[in-house]
N, C-alpha and C. Protein backbone atom coordinates (compact mmCIF):
# COMPACT_ATOMS: atom_id res chain seq x y z
N MET A 1 0.84 -1.16 0.00
CA MET A 1 0.00 0.00 0.00
C MET A 1 0.89 1.24 0.00
N ARG A 2 0.46 2.26 -0.71
CA ARG A 2 1.18 3.53 -0.70
C ARG A 2 0.82 4.29 0.57
N ALA A 3 1.83 4.81 1.23
CA ALA A 3 1.60 5.56 2.48
C ALA A 3 0.71 6.77 2.25
N ASP A 4 0.85 7.42 1.09
CA ASP A 4 0.05 8.62 0.84
C ASP A 4 -1.44 8.31 0.63
N GLU A 5 -1.78 7.05 0.43
CA GLU A 5 -3.19 6.66 0.31
C GLU A 5 -3.93 6.81 1.64
N LEU A 6 -3.19 6.89 2.73
CA LEU A 6 -3.80 7.06 4.05
C LEU A 6 -4.23 8.50 4.32
N LYS A 7 -3.60 9.44 3.63
CA LYS A 7 -3.95 10.84 3.81
C LYS A 7 -5.41 11.06 3.41
N GLY A 8 -6.12 11.78 4.25
CA GLY A 8 -7.52 12.09 3.97
C GLY A 8 -8.51 11.06 4.49
N ARG A 9 -8.03 9.89 4.91
CA ARG A 9 -8.95 8.90 5.46
C ARG A 9 -9.49 9.38 6.80
N GLY A 10 -10.73 9.07 7.04
CA GLY A 10 -11.35 9.46 8.29
C GLY A 10 -10.79 8.66 9.46
N VAL A 11 -10.95 9.22 10.65
CA VAL A 11 -10.61 8.52 11.89
C VAL A 11 -11.92 8.40 12.66
N LEU A 12 -12.33 7.15 12.92
CA LEU A 12 -13.62 6.88 13.56
C LEU A 12 -13.44 6.41 14.99
N ASP A 13 -14.22 6.98 15.87
CA ASP A 13 -14.28 6.61 17.28
C ASP A 13 -15.35 5.53 17.42
N LEU A 14 -14.94 4.31 17.75
CA LEU A 14 -15.88 3.20 17.84
C LEU A 14 -16.82 3.33 19.05
N ALA A 15 -16.36 3.93 20.13
CA ALA A 15 -17.18 4.06 21.34
C ALA A 15 -18.41 4.92 21.10
N ASN A 16 -18.27 5.95 20.26
CA ASN A 16 -19.37 6.87 20.00
C ASN A 16 -19.89 6.80 18.57
N ALA A 17 -19.32 5.92 17.77
CA ALA A 17 -19.70 5.78 16.36
C ALA A 17 -19.68 7.15 15.67
N ALA A 18 -18.54 7.85 15.80
CA ALA A 18 -18.44 9.19 15.25
C ALA A 18 -17.09 9.40 14.57
N LYS A 19 -17.11 10.21 13.50
CA LYS A 19 -15.86 10.61 12.86
C LYS A 19 -15.26 11.72 13.71
N ILE A 20 -14.00 11.55 14.10
CA ILE A 20 -13.36 12.53 14.99
C ILE A 20 -12.19 13.26 14.33
N GLY A 21 -11.95 12.96 13.07
CA GLY A 21 -10.88 13.65 12.36
C GLY A 21 -10.53 12.93 11.08
N GLN A 22 -9.44 13.39 10.46
CA GLN A 22 -8.94 12.70 9.28
C GLN A 22 -7.43 12.76 9.25
N VAL A 23 -6.83 11.76 8.61
CA VAL A 23 -5.37 11.65 8.56
C VAL A 23 -4.81 12.75 7.68
N GLU A 24 -3.88 13.51 8.26
CA GLU A 24 -3.22 14.59 7.54
C GLU A 24 -1.83 14.19 7.06
N ASP A 25 -1.16 13.31 7.84
CA ASP A 25 0.19 12.87 7.47
C ASP A 25 0.50 11.56 8.20
N VAL A 26 1.49 10.85 7.68
CA VAL A 26 1.95 9.60 8.29
C VAL A 26 3.24 9.92 9.03
N LEU A 27 3.37 9.44 10.26
CA LEU A 27 4.54 9.70 11.09
C LEU A 27 5.32 8.40 11.25
N PHE A 28 6.61 8.44 10.98
CA PHE A 28 7.37 7.21 11.10
C PHE A 28 8.80 7.45 11.54
N ASP A 29 9.40 6.40 12.03
CA ASP A 29 10.80 6.40 12.43
C ASP A 29 11.60 6.06 11.18
N ALA A 30 12.26 7.07 10.63
CA ALA A 30 13.00 6.86 9.38
C ALA A 30 14.15 5.89 9.54
N GLN A 31 14.81 5.93 10.68
CA GLN A 31 15.95 5.06 10.94
C GLN A 31 15.56 3.58 10.92
N PHE A 32 14.45 3.26 11.58
CA PHE A 32 14.03 1.86 11.68
C PHE A 32 12.87 1.50 10.75
N ARG A 33 12.46 2.48 9.94
CA ARG A 33 11.45 2.27 8.91
C ARG A 33 10.12 1.74 9.48
N GLN A 34 9.74 2.26 10.63
CA GLN A 34 8.50 1.82 11.28
C GLN A 34 7.48 2.95 11.28
N VAL A 35 6.22 2.63 10.96
CA VAL A 35 5.14 3.61 11.08
C VAL A 35 4.82 3.73 12.57
N LEU A 36 4.92 4.94 13.11
CA LEU A 36 4.68 5.17 14.53
C LEU A 36 3.31 5.76 14.81
N GLY A 37 2.77 6.46 13.83
CA GLY A 37 1.47 7.08 14.05
C GLY A 37 1.03 7.93 12.89
N PHE A 38 0.06 8.80 13.20
CA PHE A 38 -0.55 9.63 12.17
C PHE A 38 -0.80 11.02 12.73
N ARG A 39 -0.63 12.02 11.91
CA ARG A 39 -1.04 13.37 12.28
C ARG A 39 -2.50 13.47 11.85
N VAL A 40 -3.34 13.89 12.78
CA VAL A 40 -4.79 13.91 12.54
C VAL A 40 -5.31 15.33 12.65
N LYS A 41 -6.09 15.72 11.67
CA LYS A 41 -6.75 17.03 11.68
C LYS A 41 -8.15 16.83 12.21
N ARG A 42 -8.47 17.57 13.25
CA ARG A 42 -9.81 17.51 13.84
C ARG A 42 -10.78 18.31 12.97
N GLY A 43 -12.03 18.25 13.28
CA GLY A 43 -13.08 18.86 12.47
C GLY A 43 -13.01 20.35 12.26
N ASP A 44 -12.57 21.13 13.25
CA ASP A 44 -12.63 22.58 13.08
C ASP A 44 -11.57 23.08 12.10
N LEU A 45 -11.93 24.11 11.37
CA LEU A 45 -11.12 24.62 10.27
C LEU A 45 -9.75 25.12 10.72
N PHE A 46 -9.67 25.79 11.86
CA PHE A 46 -8.40 26.37 12.29
C PHE A 46 -7.74 25.58 13.41
N GLY A 47 -8.23 24.40 13.67
CA GLY A 47 -7.68 23.59 14.75
C GLY A 47 -6.30 23.07 14.45
N LYS A 48 -5.54 22.87 15.49
CA LYS A 48 -4.18 22.35 15.38
C LYS A 48 -4.25 20.84 15.14
N ALA A 49 -3.39 20.36 14.26
CA ALA A 49 -3.34 18.92 14.02
C ALA A 49 -2.83 18.23 15.27
N GLN A 50 -3.37 17.07 15.55
CA GLN A 50 -2.94 16.29 16.70
C GLN A 50 -2.40 14.95 16.21
N ALA A 51 -2.03 14.08 17.13
CA ALA A 51 -1.41 12.82 16.75
C ALA A 51 -2.19 11.63 17.28
N LEU A 52 -2.00 10.53 16.59
CA LEU A 52 -2.60 9.25 16.93
C LEU A 52 -1.51 8.20 16.78
N LEU A 53 -1.20 7.48 17.85
CA LEU A 53 -0.19 6.42 17.79
C LEU A 53 -0.71 5.24 16.98
N ARG A 54 0.18 4.61 16.22
CA ARG A 54 -0.21 3.44 15.43
C ARG A 54 -0.77 2.34 16.32
N ASP A 55 -0.20 2.16 17.50
CA ASP A 55 -0.66 1.12 18.42
C ASP A 55 -2.07 1.36 18.94
N SER A 56 -2.57 2.59 18.83
CA SER A 56 -3.93 2.90 19.29
C SER A 56 -4.98 2.65 18.22
N VAL A 57 -4.55 2.38 17.00
CA VAL A 57 -5.48 2.13 15.90
C VAL A 57 -5.93 0.68 15.95
N THR A 58 -7.23 0.46 15.98
CA THR A 58 -7.74 -0.91 16.06
C THR A 58 -7.87 -1.55 14.68
N SER A 59 -8.12 -0.72 13.66
CA SER A 59 -8.27 -1.26 12.31
C SER A 59 -8.01 -0.16 11.28
N ILE A 60 -7.52 -0.58 10.13
CA ILE A 60 -7.32 0.34 9.02
C ILE A 60 -8.07 -0.21 7.82
N GLY A 61 -9.11 0.51 7.44
CA GLY A 61 -9.93 0.09 6.32
C GLY A 61 -9.71 0.98 5.11
N ALA A 62 -10.41 0.69 4.04
CA ALA A 62 -10.25 1.45 2.81
C ALA A 62 -10.69 2.90 2.96
N ALA A 63 -11.62 3.17 3.88
CA ALA A 63 -12.14 4.52 4.03
C ALA A 63 -11.73 5.20 5.33
N ALA A 64 -11.36 4.41 6.34
CA ALA A 64 -11.10 5.02 7.65
C ALA A 64 -10.19 4.17 8.52
N LEU A 65 -9.63 4.85 9.53
CA LEU A 65 -8.91 4.21 10.63
C LEU A 65 -9.87 4.24 11.81
N THR A 66 -9.88 3.17 12.62
CA THR A 66 -10.75 3.17 13.78
C THR A 66 -9.94 3.14 15.07
N VAL A 67 -10.49 3.80 16.09
CA VAL A 67 -9.89 3.83 17.43
C VAL A 67 -10.99 3.51 18.43
N GLN A 68 -10.61 3.05 19.61
CA GLN A 68 -11.60 2.69 20.63
C GLN A 68 -12.31 3.90 21.22
N SER A 69 -11.59 5.02 21.37
CA SER A 69 -12.21 6.20 21.95
C SER A 69 -11.51 7.45 21.42
N PRO A 70 -12.14 8.61 21.56
CA PRO A 70 -11.50 9.84 21.08
C PRO A 70 -10.25 10.21 21.87
N ASP A 71 -10.06 9.60 23.05
CA ASP A 71 -8.88 9.86 23.87
C ASP A 71 -7.58 9.37 23.22
N ALA A 72 -7.70 8.56 22.17
CA ALA A 72 -6.51 8.06 21.48
C ALA A 72 -5.77 9.18 20.75
N ILE A 73 -6.48 10.26 20.46
CA ILE A 73 -5.87 11.40 19.76
C ILE A 73 -5.53 12.46 20.79
N ASN A 74 -4.29 12.99 20.68
CA ASN A 74 -3.84 13.98 21.64
C ASN A 74 -2.79 14.88 20.97
N ASP A 75 -2.33 15.90 21.69
CA ASP A 75 -1.28 16.77 21.16
C ASP A 75 -0.02 15.94 20.90
N GLU A 76 0.60 16.17 19.77
CA GLU A 76 1.77 15.39 19.37
C GLU A 76 2.88 15.43 20.41
N GLU A 77 3.06 16.58 21.08
CA GLU A 77 4.11 16.73 22.08
C GLU A 77 3.91 15.79 23.26
N ARG A 78 2.71 15.34 23.49
CA ARG A 78 2.42 14.47 24.64
C ARG A 78 2.86 13.02 24.42
N PHE A 79 3.19 12.68 23.19
CA PHE A 79 3.61 11.32 22.88
C PHE A 79 5.13 11.28 22.76
N ALA A 80 5.80 10.74 23.75
CA ALA A 80 7.27 10.66 23.74
C ALA A 80 7.77 9.86 22.53
N ASP A 81 7.00 8.85 22.10
CA ASP A 81 7.40 8.02 20.95
C ASP A 81 7.51 8.83 19.66
N LEU A 82 6.89 10.00 19.62
CA LEU A 82 6.87 10.79 18.40
C LEU A 82 7.85 11.96 18.43
N ALA A 83 8.75 11.96 19.40
CA ALA A 83 9.68 13.08 19.58
C ALA A 83 10.56 13.33 18.35
N HIS A 84 10.99 12.30 17.68
CA HIS A 84 11.91 12.48 16.55
C HIS A 84 11.39 11.84 15.27
N VAL A 85 10.10 11.96 15.05
CA VAL A 85 9.51 11.33 13.86
C VAL A 85 9.81 12.12 12.60
N SER A 86 9.72 11.42 11.50
CA SER A 86 9.74 12.04 10.18
C SER A 86 8.33 11.93 9.64
N THR A 87 7.95 12.88 8.82
CA THR A 87 6.63 12.80 8.19
C THR A 87 6.80 12.35 6.76
N LEU A 88 5.72 11.83 6.21
CA LEU A 88 5.72 11.42 4.81
C LEU A 88 6.11 12.61 3.94
N SER A 89 5.57 13.77 4.26
CA SER A 89 5.86 14.98 3.49
C SER A 89 7.35 15.31 3.49
N GLN A 90 8.05 15.06 4.60
CA GLN A 90 9.48 15.34 4.69
C GLN A 90 10.30 14.38 3.83
N VAL A 91 9.89 13.12 3.78
CA VAL A 91 10.68 12.12 3.08
C VAL A 91 10.49 12.17 1.57
N GLN A 92 9.28 12.53 1.14
CA GLN A 92 9.07 12.64 -0.31
C GLN A 92 10.01 13.71 -0.84
N LYS A 93 10.56 13.50 -1.97
CA LYS A 93 11.53 14.37 -2.64
C LYS A 93 12.94 14.27 -2.05
N THR A 94 13.18 13.31 -1.16
CA THR A 94 14.52 13.05 -0.65
C THR A 94 15.37 12.51 -1.79
N GLN A 95 16.57 12.99 -1.91
CA GLN A 95 17.48 12.54 -2.96
C GLN A 95 18.10 11.20 -2.57
N VAL A 96 18.11 10.26 -3.50
CA VAL A 96 18.69 8.93 -3.27
C VAL A 96 20.03 8.86 -3.99
N VAL A 97 21.09 8.58 -3.21
CA VAL A 97 22.46 8.58 -3.71
C VAL A 97 23.13 7.27 -3.28
N THR A 98 23.96 6.71 -4.15
CA THR A 98 24.70 5.50 -3.77
C THR A 98 25.89 5.87 -2.90
N ASP A 99 26.48 4.87 -2.28
CA ASP A 99 27.66 5.10 -1.44
C ASP A 99 28.88 5.48 -2.27
N THR A 100 28.77 5.38 -3.59
CA THR A 100 29.86 5.81 -4.48
C THR A 100 29.56 7.16 -5.13
N GLY A 101 28.44 7.81 -4.72
CA GLY A 101 28.14 9.16 -5.18
C GLY A 101 27.25 9.29 -6.40
N GLU A 102 26.68 8.20 -6.88
CA GLU A 102 25.79 8.27 -8.04
C GLU A 102 24.37 8.62 -7.59
N VAL A 103 23.77 9.63 -8.22
CA VAL A 103 22.40 10.02 -7.91
C VAL A 103 21.45 9.11 -8.67
N LEU A 104 20.54 8.46 -7.92
CA LEU A 104 19.58 7.55 -8.54
C LEU A 104 18.22 8.22 -8.79
N GLY A 105 17.95 9.29 -8.08
CA GLY A 105 16.67 9.98 -8.24
C GLY A 105 16.18 10.51 -6.91
N THR A 106 14.90 10.81 -6.86
CA THR A 106 14.28 11.29 -5.63
C THR A 106 13.10 10.39 -5.27
N ILE A 107 12.75 10.39 -4.00
CA ILE A 107 11.64 9.57 -3.53
C ILE A 107 10.32 10.22 -3.92
N ALA A 108 9.48 9.45 -4.60
CA ALA A 108 8.15 9.93 -4.99
C ALA A 108 7.13 9.57 -3.92
N HIS A 109 7.20 8.33 -3.45
CA HIS A 109 6.30 7.89 -2.39
C HIS A 109 6.85 6.64 -1.70
N LEU A 110 6.22 6.28 -0.60
CA LEU A 110 6.64 5.13 0.18
C LEU A 110 5.63 4.01 0.06
N GLU A 111 6.12 2.80 0.04
CA GLU A 111 5.26 1.62 0.12
C GLU A 111 5.35 1.11 1.55
N ILE A 112 4.21 0.76 2.13
CA ILE A 112 4.18 0.22 3.49
C ILE A 112 3.47 -1.12 3.48
N ASP A 113 3.73 -1.93 4.50
CA ASP A 113 3.12 -3.25 4.56
C ASP A 113 1.61 -3.14 4.81
N ASP A 114 0.91 -4.26 4.62
CA ASP A 114 -0.55 -4.27 4.75
C ASP A 114 -1.04 -3.94 6.15
N ASP A 115 -0.21 -4.19 7.15
CA ASP A 115 -0.60 -3.88 8.53
C ASP A 115 -0.30 -2.42 8.89
N VAL A 116 0.26 -1.67 7.94
CA VAL A 116 0.64 -0.28 8.13
C VAL A 116 1.54 -0.14 9.36
N CYS A 117 2.55 -0.99 9.39
CA CYS A 117 3.51 -0.96 10.49
C CYS A 117 4.92 -0.64 10.02
N ALA A 118 5.26 -0.99 8.80
CA ALA A 118 6.65 -0.83 8.35
C ALA A 118 6.72 -0.35 6.90
N VAL A 119 7.77 0.42 6.62
CA VAL A 119 8.07 0.84 5.25
C VAL A 119 8.72 -0.35 4.55
N THR A 120 8.24 -0.70 3.37
CA THR A 120 8.82 -1.82 2.63
C THR A 120 9.68 -1.37 1.45
N ALA A 121 9.35 -0.19 0.88
CA ALA A 121 10.12 0.29 -0.27
C ALA A 121 9.94 1.80 -0.44
N TYR A 122 10.92 2.40 -1.09
CA TYR A 122 10.90 3.81 -1.45
C TYR A 122 10.83 3.86 -2.97
N VAL A 123 9.74 4.35 -3.52
CA VAL A 123 9.56 4.41 -4.97
C VAL A 123 10.15 5.71 -5.48
N LEU A 124 10.98 5.59 -6.52
CA LEU A 124 11.67 6.75 -7.08
C LEU A 124 10.78 7.44 -8.09
N SER A 125 10.91 8.76 -8.16
CA SER A 125 10.16 9.51 -9.16
C SER A 125 10.80 9.27 -10.52
N SER A 126 10.00 9.39 -11.54
CA SER A 126 10.51 9.24 -12.89
C SER A 126 9.68 10.12 -13.82
N SER A 127 10.22 10.39 -14.96
CA SER A 127 9.51 11.24 -15.92
C SER A 127 8.36 10.44 -16.54
N PHE A 128 7.41 11.14 -17.11
CA PHE A 128 6.28 10.50 -17.77
C PHE A 128 6.78 9.59 -18.89
N LYS A 129 7.77 10.05 -19.63
CA LYS A 129 8.34 9.25 -20.73
C LYS A 129 8.94 7.95 -20.20
N ASP A 130 9.70 8.04 -19.10
CA ASP A 130 10.30 6.84 -18.51
C ASP A 130 9.24 5.85 -18.05
N ARG A 131 8.15 6.36 -17.45
CA ARG A 131 7.08 5.47 -16.99
C ARG A 131 6.41 4.76 -18.17
N LEU A 132 6.24 5.47 -19.29
CA LEU A 132 5.64 4.86 -20.47
C LEU A 132 6.56 3.81 -21.08
N MET A 133 7.85 4.11 -21.12
CA MET A 133 8.82 3.21 -21.75
C MET A 133 9.06 1.95 -20.92
N ARG A 134 9.12 2.08 -19.61
CA ARG A 134 9.46 0.94 -18.75
C ARG A 134 8.25 0.17 -18.26
N HIS A 135 7.09 0.80 -18.22
CA HIS A 135 5.86 0.18 -17.71
C HIS A 135 5.99 -0.27 -16.27
N ALA A 136 6.95 0.28 -15.56
CA ALA A 136 7.14 -0.08 -14.15
C ALA A 136 7.84 1.08 -13.45
N THR A 137 7.73 1.09 -12.17
CA THR A 137 8.43 2.11 -11.39
C THR A 137 9.69 1.49 -10.79
N GLU A 138 10.64 2.35 -10.51
CA GLU A 138 11.87 1.90 -9.86
C GLU A 138 11.74 2.16 -8.37
N SER A 139 12.22 1.22 -7.59
CA SER A 139 12.14 1.42 -6.15
C SER A 139 13.37 0.86 -5.46
N VAL A 140 13.58 1.39 -4.26
CA VAL A 140 14.65 0.92 -3.39
C VAL A 140 13.97 0.18 -2.26
N LYS A 141 14.34 -1.09 -2.06
CA LYS A 141 13.76 -1.86 -0.96
C LYS A 141 14.25 -1.29 0.36
N ALA A 142 13.41 -1.34 1.36
CA ALA A 142 13.76 -0.74 2.66
C ALA A 142 15.05 -1.31 3.22
N ASP A 143 15.29 -2.61 3.01
CA ASP A 143 16.51 -3.21 3.57
C ASP A 143 17.77 -2.88 2.76
N GLU A 144 17.62 -2.15 1.64
CA GLU A 144 18.77 -1.73 0.85
C GLU A 144 19.30 -0.35 1.28
N VAL A 145 18.59 0.31 2.17
CA VAL A 145 18.97 1.65 2.61
C VAL A 145 20.08 1.55 3.64
N LEU A 146 21.18 2.25 3.39
CA LEU A 146 22.28 2.29 4.35
C LEU A 146 22.03 3.37 5.40
N ARG A 147 21.52 4.52 4.94
CA ARG A 147 21.29 5.64 5.87
C ARG A 147 20.30 6.60 5.25
N LEU A 148 19.35 7.05 6.05
CA LEU A 148 18.42 8.10 5.65
C LEU A 148 18.72 9.29 6.54
N GLY A 149 19.34 10.30 5.96
CA GLY A 149 19.73 11.47 6.74
C GLY A 149 18.60 12.46 6.87
N GLU A 150 18.73 13.35 7.83
CA GLU A 150 17.71 14.37 8.05
C GLU A 150 17.83 15.50 7.05
N GLY A 151 18.91 15.55 6.31
CA GLY A 151 19.14 16.63 5.37
C GLY A 151 18.60 16.38 3.98
N GLY A 152 17.71 15.43 3.82
CA GLY A 152 17.11 15.18 2.53
C GLY A 152 17.93 14.30 1.62
N VAL A 153 18.78 13.43 2.20
CA VAL A 153 19.60 12.52 1.40
C VAL A 153 19.47 11.11 1.97
N MET A 154 19.27 10.15 1.07
CA MET A 154 19.25 8.73 1.43
C MET A 154 20.45 8.09 0.74
N VAL A 155 21.20 7.30 1.49
CA VAL A 155 22.36 6.61 0.93
C VAL A 155 22.04 5.12 0.81
N VAL A 156 22.29 4.58 -0.39
CA VAL A 156 22.09 3.16 -0.64
C VAL A 156 23.38 2.58 -1.21
N SER A 157 23.48 1.29 -1.21
CA SER A 157 24.65 0.61 -1.75
C SER A 157 24.72 0.79 -3.27
N SER A 158 25.92 0.79 -3.80
CA SER A 158 26.08 0.88 -5.26
C SER A 158 25.46 -0.34 -5.95
N ALA A 159 25.26 -1.43 -5.21
CA ALA A 159 24.60 -2.61 -5.78
C ALA A 159 23.16 -2.29 -6.20
N VAL A 160 22.54 -1.32 -5.55
CA VAL A 160 21.18 -0.92 -5.92
C VAL A 160 21.19 -0.32 -7.33
N ALA A 161 22.17 0.51 -7.62
CA ALA A 161 22.29 1.10 -8.96
C ALA A 161 22.47 0.01 -9.99
N THR A 162 23.28 -0.99 -9.68
CA THR A 162 23.50 -2.11 -10.59
C THR A 162 22.19 -2.87 -10.83
N ARG A 163 21.44 -3.12 -9.76
CA ARG A 163 20.15 -3.83 -9.89
C ARG A 163 19.18 -3.02 -10.75
N LEU A 164 19.08 -1.72 -10.52
CA LEU A 164 18.14 -0.89 -11.28
C LEU A 164 18.53 -0.85 -12.76
N GLN A 165 19.84 -0.80 -13.04
CA GLN A 165 20.29 -0.80 -14.44
C GLN A 165 19.94 -2.12 -15.12
N ALA A 166 20.08 -3.23 -14.39
CA ALA A 166 19.75 -4.55 -14.93
C ALA A 166 18.25 -4.66 -15.20
N GLU A 167 17.43 -4.08 -14.32
CA GLU A 167 15.97 -4.13 -14.50
C GLU A 167 15.54 -3.29 -15.70
N ARG A 168 16.29 -2.24 -15.99
CA ARG A 168 15.98 -1.40 -17.16
C ARG A 168 16.25 -2.13 -18.47
N GLY A 169 17.16 -3.08 -18.38
CA GLY A 169 17.48 -3.89 -19.56
C GLY A 169 18.55 -3.38 -20.39
């Protein structure tokens, strides 16, 4: 599943059968590639976005995430687990470079597992022409990442460049 597909999904409170917000962003630990939670926008137009821990989500469906009670959502600062999170918005457009200095591209979006717990791959952006010619997208598997820096650079092994070149044919 693409992580950005979660944006805009409703957050439902099962105790009151009510929509209590919607997902504004995905929060994750870039170092360990784990989804930690979600930034949630409450109903009011000028309200501050709050956070929801992944562990507090009971289910993730095609239209909504469910929680047991509205208490699962709180100010982001109150969750110690979210102190050093990266957002999906921050990681998109990160430059991907090999350990030998070759630029492979930039991150277009993230693939996450079906349980929405872990990042499985970083899909690289490509031109419209490249997408038409290859009929596939290029991606870096999560376990191929050597380091994801906070400065907008991801370092991967030069073997990734070799694999991508072989896949291009």
